[in-house]
Amino acid sequence: MNRIIREAKPAEIPEIMQVMVAAKGIMRQSGNRHQWGDGYPSETIILSDMARRGAFVVEDGGRVVGYFAFLPSPDPTYLNIYEGKWVDDSRPYHVVHRIASLPDVHGIFASVMEFCLSHDRNIRVDTHRDNQIMQHNLLKHGFVYCGIIYLLSGDERLAYQLVLPEAI
């Protein structure tokens, strides 16, 4: 495994969209039939991540095998949380969105988290209630379930946060 995480490039949009299609297939096979419908995530959203310098690809052996957005706070959908509270609501954080990978590649979540935690020790993630794979990975990697947030569309998401102690 020769895995590299780096900023995505506009020329890689076709490869990134292939990863997204594959990730949707994984979701549907695992019973998550409602997340990422209606053309989401679109090329426009990926380009928006790029414009914010928050679009990243996971490359393995020269091939794009994963994608995620790593964006600084504040995230407007995280301003209000229901039926719970954030672990830390006082310090800046980063949000990880749109984690996706090809089905034949394993350990992408761990690689993404290692990268993200090397840049910020306060990370928030949200996921669909039906996304059991993501919920399992979040808990396995130390995230704490915090409550429910609502996307700008009004869709409910389960919210998680991982706060590591500050490095000395």
Protein backbone atom coordinates (compact mmCIF):
# COMPACT_ATOMS: atom_id res chain seq x y z
CA MET A 1 0.00 0.00 0.00
CA ASN A 2 1.42 3.31 -1.12
CA ARG A 3 -1.32 5.65 0.13
CA ILE A 4 -1.07 9.42 -0.25
CA ILE A 5 -3.60 12.06 0.78
CA ARG A 6 -3.40 15.35 -1.07
CA GLU A 7 -5.55 18.20 -2.32
CA ALA A 8 -7.81 17.22 -5.20
CA LYS A 9 -7.38 18.82 -8.60
CA PRO A 10 -10.19 19.90 -10.97
CA ALA A 11 -8.83 17.53 -13.64
CA GLU A 12 -9.61 14.65 -11.26
CA ILE A 13 -13.35 15.33 -11.15
CA PRO A 14 -14.15 12.28 -13.37
CA GLU A 15 -12.19 9.96 -11.06
CA ILE A 16 -13.74 11.54 -7.96
CA MET A 17 -17.23 11.10 -9.39
CA GLN A 18 -16.46 7.42 -10.06
CA VAL A 19 -15.51 7.08 -6.39
CA MET A 20 -18.81 8.75 -5.42
CA VAL A 21 -20.84 6.36 -7.59
CA ALA A 22 -19.00 3.40 -6.05
CA ALA A 23 -19.61 4.74 -2.53
CA LYS A 24 -23.33 5.10 -3.25
CA GLY A 25 -23.32 1.45 -4.32
CA ILE A 26 -21.71 0.45 -1.02
CA MET A 27 -24.35 2.47 0.84
CA ARG A 28 -27.25 0.87 -1.04
CA GLN A 29 -25.88 -2.65 -0.53
CA SER A 30 -25.60 -2.03 3.22
CA GLY A 31 -29.21 -0.85 3.54
CA ASN A 32 -28.56 2.89 3.38
CA ARG A 33 -31.01 3.67 0.59
CA HIS A 34 -31.70 7.36 1.26
CA GLN A 35 -28.36 9.13 1.81
CA TRP A 36 -26.74 10.78 -1.19
CA GLY A 37 -29.76 10.79 -3.49
CA ASP A 38 -30.77 13.17 -6.26
CA GLY A 39 -27.31 13.61 -7.77
CA TYR A 40 -25.55 14.35 -4.48
CA PRO A 41 -22.66 14.95 -4.24
CA SER A 42 -22.47 16.75 -7.56
CA GLU A 43 -19.46 18.03 -9.46
CA THR A 44 -20.49 21.52 -8.35
CA ILE A 45 -20.22 20.53 -4.69
CA ILE A 46 -16.80 18.94 -5.26
CA LEU A 47 -15.65 22.08 -7.08
CA SER A 48 -16.93 24.16 -4.15
CA ASP A 49 -14.85 22.00 -1.78
CA MET A 50 -11.86 22.66 -4.06
CA ALA A 51 -12.50 26.42 -4.07
CA ARG A 52 -12.36 26.32 -0.26
CA ARG A 53 -9.12 24.27 -0.44
CA GLY A 54 -10.92 21.50 1.44
CA ALA A 55 -11.15 18.79 -1.25
CA PHE A 56 -8.83 15.83 -0.77
CA VAL A 57 -8.21 12.59 -2.61
CA VAL A 58 -6.79 9.39 -1.27
CA GLU A 59 -4.37 8.02 -3.83
CA ASP A 60 -3.07 4.46 -3.69
CA GLY A 61 -0.50 3.29 -6.22
CA GLY A 62 -1.17 6.34 -8.39
CA ARG A 63 -4.93 5.68 -8.50
CA VAL A 64 -7.62 7.86 -6.86
CA VAL A 65 -9.37 5.45 -4.48
CA GLY A 66 -11.05 7.85 -2.07
CA TYR A 67 -12.32 11.37 -1.55
CA PHE A 68 -13.30 13.55 1.40
CA ALA A 69 -13.87 17.19 2.27
CA PHE A 70 -12.00 18.64 5.25
CA LEU A 71 -13.38 22.09 6.00
CA PRO A 72 -12.75 24.59 8.79
CA SER A 73 -15.45 25.80 11.13
CA PRO A 74 -17.92 27.24 11.44
CA ASP A 75 -20.32 24.93 9.62
CA PRO A 76 -23.80 26.53 9.59
CA THR A 77 -25.56 23.19 10.01
CA TYR A 78 -23.69 22.64 13.29
CA LEU A 79 -24.84 25.86 14.97
CA ASN A 80 -27.82 24.08 16.56
CA ILE A 81 -27.73 20.55 17.93
CA TYR A 82 -30.77 18.77 19.32
CA GLU A 83 -31.20 15.96 21.83
CA GLY A 84 -27.60 16.38 22.99
CA LYS A 85 -24.63 18.70 22.93
CA TRP A 86 -21.16 18.98 21.42
CA VAL A 87 -18.23 17.59 23.40
CA ASP A 88 -16.49 20.96 22.93
CA ASP A 89 -18.46 23.92 21.64
CA SER A 90 -15.92 26.62 22.46
CA ARG A 91 -12.93 26.02 20.16
CA PRO A 92 -12.67 26.05 16.37
CA TYR A 93 -13.04 22.68 14.67
CA HIS A 94 -12.86 21.04 11.28
CA VAL A 95 -15.67 19.11 9.64
CA VAL A 96 -15.21 15.99 7.54
CA HIS A 97 -17.83 15.55 4.83
CA ARG A 98 -18.33 13.24 1.84
CA ILE A 99 -15.98 10.41 2.82
CA ALA A 100 -16.09 7.99 -0.10
CA SER A 101 -13.99 5.13 -1.42
CA LEU A 102 -13.89 2.38 -3.97
CA PRO A 103 -15.26 -0.94 -2.67
CA ASP A 104 -12.03 -2.88 -3.23
CA VAL A 105 -9.97 -0.54 -1.03
CA HIS A 106 -10.00 -0.92 2.74
CA GLY A 107 -8.86 1.31 5.60
CA ILE A 108 -9.78 4.60 3.92
CA PHE A 109 -11.58 5.89 7.02
CA ALA A 110 -8.51 5.25 9.19
CA SER A 111 -6.25 6.99 6.66
CA VAL A 112 -8.60 9.98 6.44
CA MET A 113 -8.80 10.32 10.23
CA GLU A 114 -5.02 10.09 10.63
CA PHE A 115 -4.65 12.90 8.09
CA CYS A 116 -7.38 15.06 9.64
CA LEU A 117 -6.16 14.64 13.21
CA SER A 118 -2.67 15.67 12.14
CA HIS A 119 -4.21 19.04 11.14
CA ASP A 120 -6.83 19.57 13.87
CA ARG A 121 -7.56 17.78 17.12
CA ASN A 122 -11.23 18.84 17.17
CA ILE A 123 -13.21 17.08 14.42
CA ARG A 124 -16.95 16.93 13.74
CA VAL A 125 -18.77 14.57 11.39
CA ASP A 126 -22.41 13.90 10.67
CA THR A 127 -24.06 10.95 8.97
CA HIS A 128 -27.42 9.57 7.94
CA ARG A 129 -29.26 7.42 10.46
CA ASP A 130 -29.15 4.51 7.96
CA ASN A 131 -25.38 4.73 7.44
CA GLN A 132 -24.38 1.92 9.78
CA ILE A 133 -20.92 1.60 8.22
CA MET A 134 -20.06 5.23 9.00
CA GLN A 135 -21.53 5.04 12.51
CA HIS A 136 -19.43 1.92 13.21
CA ASN A 137 -16.25 3.61 11.92
CA LEU A 138 -16.88 6.77 13.92
CA LEU A 139 -17.32 4.90 17.20
CA LYS A 140 -14.38 2.59 16.43
CA HIS A 141 -12.13 5.63 16.00
CA GLY A 142 -13.17 7.34 19.24
CA PHE A 143 -15.89 9.72 18.09
CA VAL A 144 -18.68 10.46 20.53
CA TYR A 145 -22.33 10.65 19.45
CA CYS A 146 -23.47 14.19 20.32
CA GLY A 147 -27.04 14.55 19.03
CA ILE A 148 -29.00 15.50 15.94
CA ILE A 149 -28.34 18.30 13.48
CA TYR A 150 -30.38 19.35 10.48
CA LEU A 151 -28.94 20.08 7.05
CA LEU A 152 -29.96 23.22 5.19
CA SER A 153 -32.41 20.97 3.29
CA GLY A 154 -34.05 20.06 6.61
CA ASP A 155 -32.78 16.46 6.52
CA GLU A 156 -31.79 14.99 9.88
CA ARG A 157 -28.24 13.78 10.55
CA LEU A 158 -26.56 12.13 13.52
CA ALA A 159 -23.70 14.29 14.77
CA TYR A 160 -20.38 13.09 16.20
CA GLN A 161 -17.27 14.79 17.54
CA LEU A 162 -13.75 13.73 18.44
CA VAL A 163 -11.66 16.05 20.59
CA LEU A 164 -8.11 15.00 21.37
CA PRO A 165 -6.00 16.72 24.03
CA GLU A 166 -3.82 19.52 22.75
CA ALA A 167 -0.30 18.42 21.86
CA ILE A 168 2.38 19.60 24.25
